[in-house]
């Protein structure tokens, strides 16, 4: 943790000396959809939300409010020895505050309120899988989804010896809070931008309810943007997270690499369509071969800029189930289905 605080102080001192004003295009509210693979145990650790490298203008505030519906259905085989049951739904309300600092920098805080329960989407997803002719007995649920009742709330990890490490049903409470400090590394322009984020995850979630890990996490992310002509923009994030040892599942991995690739089509000044793929390594060692796969999620989203200060988005995300895990670079272990809706607004 001392390394992150040192980095925060260093970036903060650089911000105080620099006086460049951000480009006004930073307020366009374009860019990646702010969602990552949200499997239950992933929510306990630091995840860098997909973002543009652009920052809020000095002394201005941006507020974000986002509601995610996350449906989990992973009951893989016991290869590796342990049993994993992720059969639940999360509703997550996430509030964000970003404040512009001197020197093309910003400070941000993200705090979620989470509710784990049986959900409302099982029947909808079952009908969707039937209409799309998706396999009922894919690798994440080899016995077939029809073998399990709809609308359950189970989160279990049982090791190879039969010891129950996690066994939880419904839960409600504050999740893990994340703070970031972002500094632009290049002169901002409409064509391209490059920034660095340092992040700190604060253990505000309940460990007993499996809403938090009880430990701090720290990391850094490099964020980039590049315009491909008038109508297309590429975005990329590459992050590295250090993970303090916790007692979640069989053990905590020492680190995790996180990535994002995104292309955005914006045919006019108000509308944009986003296609992105995010990935990260596992945070914990569960002892199950399938659950130990990397997390890769594909997301399609639509953004609408209502006026100069307000914008909104809707999105939906899928993992490897849609093609039975034959293209892990595009979709791998992930929630069954995620639907998100969000609003952003600026205020001086």
Protein backbone atom coordinates (compact mmCIF):
# COMPACT_ATOMS: atom_id res chain seq x y z
CA UNK A 1 0.00 0.00 0.00
CA UNK A 2 2.83 2.38 0.67
CA UNK A 3 3.79 2.21 -3.02
CA UNK A 4 0.35 3.40 -4.11
CA UNK A 5 0.27 6.25 -1.61
CA UNK A 6 3.73 7.31 -2.78
CA UNK A 7 2.48 7.26 -6.37
CA UNK A 8 -0.57 9.31 -5.36
CA UNK A 9 1.65 11.91 -3.72
CA UNK A 10 3.99 12.02 -6.72
CA UNK A 11 1.20 12.49 -9.24
CA UNK A 12 -0.46 15.01 -6.96
CA UNK A 13 2.71 17.11 -6.77
CA UNK A 14 3.03 17.05 -10.56
CA UNK A 15 -0.60 18.15 -10.86
CA UNK A 16 0.01 21.13 -8.61
CA UNK A 17 2.87 22.36 -10.83
CA UNK A 18 1.24 21.83 -14.23
CA UNK A 19 -1.38 24.28 -15.55
CA UNK A 20 -2.48 22.96 -18.97
CA UNK A 21 -6.25 23.06 -19.47
CA UNK A 22 -7.94 19.93 -20.76
CA UNK A 23 -9.46 19.92 -24.21
CA UNK A 24 -13.22 20.62 -24.11
CA UNK A 25 -13.80 17.36 -25.97
CA UNK A 26 -13.20 15.57 -22.64
CA UNK A 27 -16.80 16.36 -21.69
CA UNK A 28 -18.27 14.47 -24.66
CA UNK A 29 -19.07 11.43 -22.49
CA UNK A 30 -17.98 9.01 -25.19
CA UNK A 31 -15.83 5.96 -24.67
CA UNK A 32 -16.05 2.41 -23.29
CA UNK A 33 -18.99 1.14 -21.29
CA UNK A 34 -17.97 1.17 -17.57
CA UNK A 35 -18.52 -2.54 -16.92
CA UNK A 36 -16.13 -5.43 -16.31
CA UNK A 37 -16.56 -9.15 -15.72
CA UNK A 38 -18.64 -9.14 -12.54
CA UNK A 39 -18.56 -12.72 -11.28
CA UNK A 40 -19.22 -12.79 -7.51
CA UNK A 41 -15.60 -13.28 -6.38
CA UNK A 42 -14.26 -10.75 -8.90
CA UNK A 43 -16.36 -8.02 -7.28
CA UNK A 44 -14.25 -8.39 -4.13
CA UNK A 45 -11.06 -7.06 -5.73
CA UNK A 46 -9.74 -4.00 -7.54
CA UNK A 47 -11.02 -3.80 -11.10
CA UNK A 48 -10.18 -0.78 -13.23
CA UNK A 49 -13.44 0.33 -14.81
CA UNK A 50 -13.06 0.85 -18.58
CA UNK A 51 -12.49 4.55 -19.20
CA UNK A 52 -11.16 7.02 -21.72
CA UNK A 53 -7.82 8.69 -20.97
CA UNK A 54 -9.60 12.05 -20.91
CA UNK A 55 -10.05 13.87 -17.62
CA UNK A 56 -12.64 16.20 -16.16
CA UNK A 57 -11.77 19.88 -16.58
CA UNK A 58 -10.07 21.58 -13.66
CA UNK A 59 -12.39 22.33 -10.70
CA UNK A 60 -15.36 20.67 -12.39
CA UNK A 61 -17.25 17.62 -11.16
CA UNK A 62 -18.72 14.69 -13.01
CA UNK A 63 -21.26 12.36 -11.39
CA UNK A 64 -22.14 8.86 -12.57
CA UNK A 65 -25.04 6.62 -11.55
CA UNK A 66 -25.16 3.09 -12.92
CA UNK A 67 -27.44 0.09 -12.36
CA UNK A 68 -26.20 -3.40 -13.31
CA UNK A 69 -28.25 -6.58 -13.49
CA UNK A 70 -25.71 -9.43 -13.31
CA UNK A 71 -26.96 -13.00 -13.78
CA UNK A 72 -24.54 -15.76 -12.76
CA UNK A 73 -24.97 -19.39 -13.77
CA UNK A 74 -21.77 -21.41 -13.49
CA UNK A 75 -21.83 -24.92 -12.05
CA UNK A 76 -18.90 -26.54 -13.88
CA UNK A 77 -17.62 -30.07 -13.48
CA UNK A 78 -15.30 -30.91 -10.62
CA UNK A 79 -12.10 -31.19 -12.69
CA UNK A 80 -9.37 -30.07 -10.33
CA UNK A 81 -11.20 -31.40 -7.32
CA UNK A 82 -13.35 -28.54 -6.03
CA UNK A 83 -17.02 -27.72 -6.55
CA UNK A 84 -18.15 -24.26 -7.62
CA UNK A 85 -21.76 -23.07 -7.62
CA UNK A 86 -22.47 -19.55 -8.90
CA UNK A 87 -26.25 -19.49 -9.37
CA UNK A 88 -27.59 -16.07 -8.42
CA UNK A 89 -28.19 -12.54 -9.56
CA UNK A 90 -26.71 -9.24 -8.46
CA UNK A 91 -28.32 -5.86 -8.71
CA UNK A 92 -25.54 -3.32 -8.28
CA UNK A 93 -26.10 0.43 -7.98
CA UNK A 94 -22.78 2.20 -8.50
CA UNK A 95 -22.19 5.88 -7.75
CA UNK A 96 -19.16 7.72 -9.11
CA UNK A 97 -17.70 11.15 -8.47
CA UNK A 98 -14.85 12.56 -10.55
CA UNK A 99 -13.19 15.91 -9.80
CA UNK A 100 -10.84 17.77 -12.11
CA UNK A 101 -7.43 18.73 -10.70
CA UNK A 102 -4.71 21.05 -12.00
CA UNK A 103 -2.35 19.65 -14.57
CA UNK A 104 -4.77 17.59 -16.68
CA UNK A 105 -5.55 15.23 -13.80
CA UNK A 106 -8.58 14.03 -11.88
CA UNK A 107 -9.49 12.24 -8.67
CA UNK A 108 -12.38 9.75 -8.61
CA UNK A 109 -14.34 7.67 -6.09
CA UNK A 110 -16.66 4.78 -7.00
CA UNK A 111 -18.94 3.23 -4.39
CA UNK A 112 -21.40 0.35 -5.09
CA UNK A 113 -24.49 -0.87 -3.30
CA UNK A 114 -25.02 -4.58 -4.01
CA UNK A 115 -27.91 -7.00 -3.61
CA UNK A 116 -27.34 -10.71 -4.23
CA UNK A 117 -30.55 -12.68 -4.66
CA UNK A 118 -32.46 -15.08 -6.92
CA UNK A 119 -33.13 -12.29 -9.39
CA UNK A 120 -35.62 -11.72 -12.17
CA UNK A 121 -33.75 -12.78 -15.34
CA UNK A 122 -33.59 -16.60 -15.23
CA UNK A 123 -36.78 -17.10 -17.23
CA UNK A 124 -35.81 -14.41 -19.76
CA UNK A 125 -32.35 -15.90 -20.24
CA UNK A 126 -33.74 -19.42 -20.59
CA UNK A 127 -36.08 -18.21 -23.35
CA UNK A 128 -33.22 -16.29 -25.01
CA UNK A 129 -30.96 -19.36 -25.02
CA UNK A 130 -33.77 -21.42 -26.55
CA UNK A 131 -34.46 -18.83 -29.27
CA UNK A 132 -30.75 -18.47 -30.07
CA UNK A 133 -30.32 -22.28 -30.06
CA UNK A 134 -27.51 -22.07 -27.50
CA UNK A 135 -26.26 -25.27 -25.89
CA UNK A 136 -28.03 -26.13 -22.65
CA UNK A 137 -25.12 -28.24 -21.42
CA UNK A 138 -22.11 -26.05 -22.16
CA UNK A 139 -18.85 -26.19 -20.20
CA UNK A 140 -20.08 -23.82 -17.49
CA UNK A 141 -23.11 -26.04 -16.76
CA UNK A 142 -22.32 -29.52 -18.14
CA UNK A 143 -25.44 -31.09 -16.61
CA UNK A 144 -27.58 -28.54 -18.45
CA UNK A 145 -29.41 -25.50 -17.13
CA UNK A 146 -32.65 -27.46 -17.18
CA UNK A 147 -31.27 -29.67 -14.41
CA UNK A 148 -31.47 -26.81 -11.90
CA UNK A 149 -34.49 -24.87 -10.64
CA UNK A 150 -34.92 -21.29 -11.81
CA UNK A 151 -34.49 -18.34 -9.43
CA UNK A 152 -31.98 -19.69 -6.93
CA UNK A 153 -29.45 -17.75 -4.89
CA UNK A 154 -26.41 -19.89 -4.21
CA UNK A 155 -22.72 -19.09 -3.94
CA UNK A 156 -20.64 -22.10 -2.90
CA UNK A 157 -17.02 -23.19 -2.96
CA UNK A 158 -16.30 -26.72 -1.70
CA UNK A 159 -12.70 -27.97 -1.83
CA UNK A 160 -11.50 -31.40 -2.93
CA UNK A 161 -11.68 -32.68 0.65
CA UNK A 162 -15.34 -31.76 0.93
CA UNK A 163 -14.75 -28.77 3.20
CA UNK A 164 -17.25 -25.97 2.54
CA UNK A 165 -15.26 -22.75 2.16
CA UNK A 166 -18.11 -20.50 1.03
CA UNK A 167 -21.85 -21.10 1.34
CA UNK A 168 -23.98 -18.00 1.04
CA UNK A 169 -27.41 -17.11 -0.29
CA UNK A 170 -28.90 -13.63 -0.36
CA UNK A 171 -26.94 -10.59 0.79
CA UNK A 172 -27.36 -6.82 0.72
CA UNK A 173 -24.90 -4.08 1.52
CA UNK A 174 -22.11 -1.77 0.44
CA UNK A 175 -19.54 -3.35 -1.86
CA UNK A 176 -15.87 -2.48 -2.22
CA UNK A 177 -15.03 1.21 -2.75
CA UNK A 178 -12.44 2.19 -5.36
CA UNK A 179 -10.45 5.45 -5.52
CA UNK A 180 -8.37 6.45 -8.54
CA UNK A 181 -6.07 9.29 -9.54
CA UNK A 182 -5.60 9.81 -13.29
CA UNK A 183 -2.88 11.91 -14.94
CA UNK A 184 -2.59 12.57 -18.65
CA UNK A 185 0.78 11.54 -20.04
CA UNK A 186 0.44 13.25 -23.42
CA UNK A 187 -0.97 16.53 -24.63
CA UNK A 188 -4.66 15.94 -25.15
CA UNK A 189 -6.10 16.34 -28.63
CA UNK A 190 -9.14 15.17 -30.54
CA UNK A 191 -6.97 12.63 -32.36
CA UNK A 192 -5.31 10.83 -29.40
CA UNK A 193 -4.65 10.82 -25.67
CA UNK A 194 -2.72 8.73 -23.15
CA UNK A 195 -3.13 8.63 -19.36
CA UNK A 196 -2.09 6.67 -16.29
CA UNK A 197 -4.41 5.75 -13.42
CA UNK A 198 -3.37 4.57 -9.99
CA UNK A 199 -6.09 2.82 -8.02
CA UNK A 200 -6.77 1.80 -4.45
CA UNK A 201 -9.58 -0.54 -3.41
CA UNK A 202 -10.83 0.10 0.13
CA UNK A 203 -12.37 -2.90 1.98
CA UNK A 204 -15.81 -1.46 2.72
CA UNK A 205 -17.79 -4.62 1.87
CA UNK A 206 -18.80 -7.30 4.37
CA UNK A 207 -16.47 -10.30 4.38
CA UNK A 208 -18.98 -12.56 6.12
CA UNK A 209 -21.59 -11.85 3.42
CA UNK A 210 -18.97 -12.25 0.62
CA UNK A 211 -19.39 -8.63 -0.45
CA UNK A 212 -15.76 -7.77 0.33
CA UNK A 213 -12.34 -9.35 0.72
CA UNK A 214 -11.34 -7.50 3.89
CA UNK A 215 -8.08 -6.34 2.27
CA UNK A 216 -6.76 -3.33 0.36
CA UNK A 217 -5.75 -3.72 -3.30
CA UNK A 218 -3.61 -1.37 -5.35
CA UNK A 219 -2.70 -1.11 -9.01
CA UNK A 220 -2.02 1.00 -12.09
CA UNK A 221 -3.67 1.25 -15.49
CA UNK A 222 -2.57 2.81 -18.77
CA UNK A 223 -5.50 4.22 -20.79
CA UNK A 224 -5.36 5.23 -24.46
CA UNK A 225 -7.58 6.72 -27.15
CA UNK A 226 -6.98 7.05 -30.91
CA UNK A 227 -9.32 8.42 -33.56
CA UNK A 228 -9.76 6.54 -36.85
CA UNK A 229 -11.15 9.39 -38.91
CA UNK A 230 -14.39 11.20 -38.18
CA UNK A 231 -16.68 8.33 -37.15
CA UNK A 232 -14.56 5.70 -35.36
CA UNK A 233 -12.44 5.79 -32.21
CA UNK A 234 -10.31 3.08 -30.61
CA UNK A 235 -9.82 2.78 -26.85
CA UNK A 236 -7.52 0.55 -24.82
CA UNK A 237 -6.78 -0.06 -21.13
CA UNK A 238 -4.00 -2.20 -19.66
CA UNK A 239 -3.88 -2.62 -15.89
CA UNK A 240 -1.88 -4.46 -13.25
CA UNK A 241 -3.26 -5.14 -9.76
CA UNK A 242 -1.40 -6.29 -6.64
CA UNK A 243 -3.59 -8.43 -4.41
CA UNK A 244 -3.06 -8.76 -0.68
CA UNK A 245 -3.60 -12.23 0.69
CA UNK A 246 -7.13 -12.94 1.88
CA UNK A 247 -9.06 -15.96 3.09
CA UNK A 248 -11.50 -15.99 0.17
CA UNK A 249 -11.85 -19.49 -1.37
CA UNK A 250 -8.66 -21.55 -1.47
CA UNK A 251 -6.33 -18.57 -1.63
CA UNK A 252 -5.61 -15.26 -3.31
CA UNK A 253 -3.38 -14.89 -6.34
CA UNK A 254 -0.56 -12.33 -5.93
CA UNK A 255 -1.57 -10.22 -8.93
CA UNK A 256 -3.92 -9.85 -11.88
CA UNK A 257 -3.53 -8.29 -15.34
CA UNK A 258 -6.54 -6.46 -16.77
CA UNK A 259 -7.14 -5.43 -20.37
CA UNK A 260 -9.70 -3.71 -22.57
CA UNK A 261 -10.07 -3.28 -26.34
CA UNK A 262 -12.91 -1.09 -27.59
CA UNK A 263 -14.13 0.42 -30.85
CA UNK A 264 -16.76 3.14 -30.92
CA UNK A 265 -18.83 4.29 -33.90
CA UNK A 266 -20.24 7.81 -33.54
CA UNK A 267 -22.15 8.83 -36.68
CA UNK A 268 -23.15 12.18 -35.16
CA UNK A 269 -22.45 14.36 -32.15
CA UNK A 270 -25.11 12.70 -29.96
CA UNK A 271 -25.18 8.96 -30.64
CA UNK A 272 -22.48 6.32 -30.40
CA UNK A 273 -22.33 2.53 -30.55
CA UNK A 274 -19.68 0.64 -28.59
CA UNK A 275 -18.23 -2.85 -28.96
CA UNK A 276 -15.63 -3.88 -26.41
CA UNK A 277 -13.90 -6.92 -24.92
CA UNK A 278 -12.47 -6.84 -21.40
CA UNK A 279 -10.31 -9.48 -19.78
CA UNK A 280 -8.55 -10.22 -16.53
CA UNK A 281 -6.89 -13.12 -14.81
CA UNK A 282 -8.43 -14.82 -11.81
CA UNK A 283 -8.11 -13.17 -8.40
CA UNK A 284 -8.54 -16.34 -6.35
CA UNK A 285 -7.54 -20.00 -6.57
CA UNK A 286 -10.67 -22.11 -6.22
CA UNK A 287 -9.16 -25.45 -7.24
CA UNK A 288 -11.63 -25.88 -10.11
CA UNK A 289 -10.19 -26.01 -13.63
CA UNK A 290 -13.05 -24.18 -15.34
CA UNK A 291 -13.42 -21.56 -12.63
CA UNK A 292 -9.67 -20.94 -12.94
CA UNK A 293 -9.99 -19.75 -16.53
CA UNK A 294 -9.36 -16.13 -17.41
CA UNK A 295 -12.40 -13.85 -17.33
CA UNK A 296 -13.29 -12.42 -20.75
CA UNK A 297 -16.52 -10.56 -21.50
CA UNK A 298 -17.85 -8.96 -24.69
CA UNK A 299 -20.10 -5.91 -24.32
CA UNK A 300 -22.28 -4.02 -26.80
CA UNK A 301 -23.54 -0.63 -25.75
CA UNK A 302 -25.37 2.46 -26.97
CA UNK A 303 -24.59 5.95 -25.70
CA UNK A 304 -26.74 9.06 -26.05
CA UNK A 305 -25.56 12.58 -25.32
CA UNK A 306 -28.64 14.54 -24.22
CA UNK A 307 -27.01 17.96 -24.00
CA UNK A 308 -23.66 19.55 -23.17
CA UNK A 309 -23.73 18.28 -19.57
CA UNK A 310 -25.76 15.05 -19.55
CA UNK A 311 -25.51 11.66 -21.22
CA UNK A 312 -26.67 8.08 -20.73
CA UNK A 313 -26.04 4.55 -21.92
CA UNK A 314 -27.49 1.05 -22.04
CA UNK A 315 -25.49 -2.13 -22.64
CA UNK A 316 -25.53 -5.88 -22.48
CA UNK A 317 -22.61 -8.27 -21.91
CA UNK A 318 -22.04 -11.96 -22.68
CA UNK A 319 -19.20 -14.37 -22.02
CA UNK A 320 -18.08 -17.63 -23.58
CA UNK A 321 -21.39 -19.44 -23.18
CA UNK A 322 -22.70 -17.96 -26.42
CA UNK A 323 -20.17 -20.00 -28.47
CA UNK A 324 -19.53 -22.75 -25.88
CA UNK A 325 -16.12 -21.33 -24.98
CA UNK A 326 -14.53 -21.99 -28.37
CA UNK A 327 -13.21 -18.40 -28.70
CA UNK A 328 -11.72 -17.56 -25.28
CA UNK A 329 -10.14 -14.33 -26.55
CA UNK A 330 -13.64 -12.91 -27.10
CA UNK A 331 -15.65 -14.66 -24.38
CA UNK A 332 -14.59 -16.91 -21.53
CA UNK A 333 -15.59 -17.51 -17.89
CA UNK A 334 -18.01 -14.71 -17.02
CA UNK A 335 -21.53 -13.98 -15.81
CA UNK A 336 -24.26 -15.55 -17.87
CA UNK A 337 -25.69 -12.20 -18.85
CA UNK A 338 -25.23 -8.59 -17.72
CA UNK A 339 -27.51 -5.64 -18.50
CA UNK A 340 -26.44 -2.12 -17.51
CA UNK A 341 -27.98 1.33 -17.66
CA UNK A 342 -26.22 4.51 -16.61
CA UNK A 343 -26.35 8.30 -16.47
CA UNK A 344 -23.57 10.90 -16.27
CA UNK A 345 -23.77 14.62 -15.66
CA UNK A 346 -21.35 17.49 -15.16
CA UNK A 347 -21.56 20.21 -12.54
CA UNK A 348 -19.20 23.05 -11.66
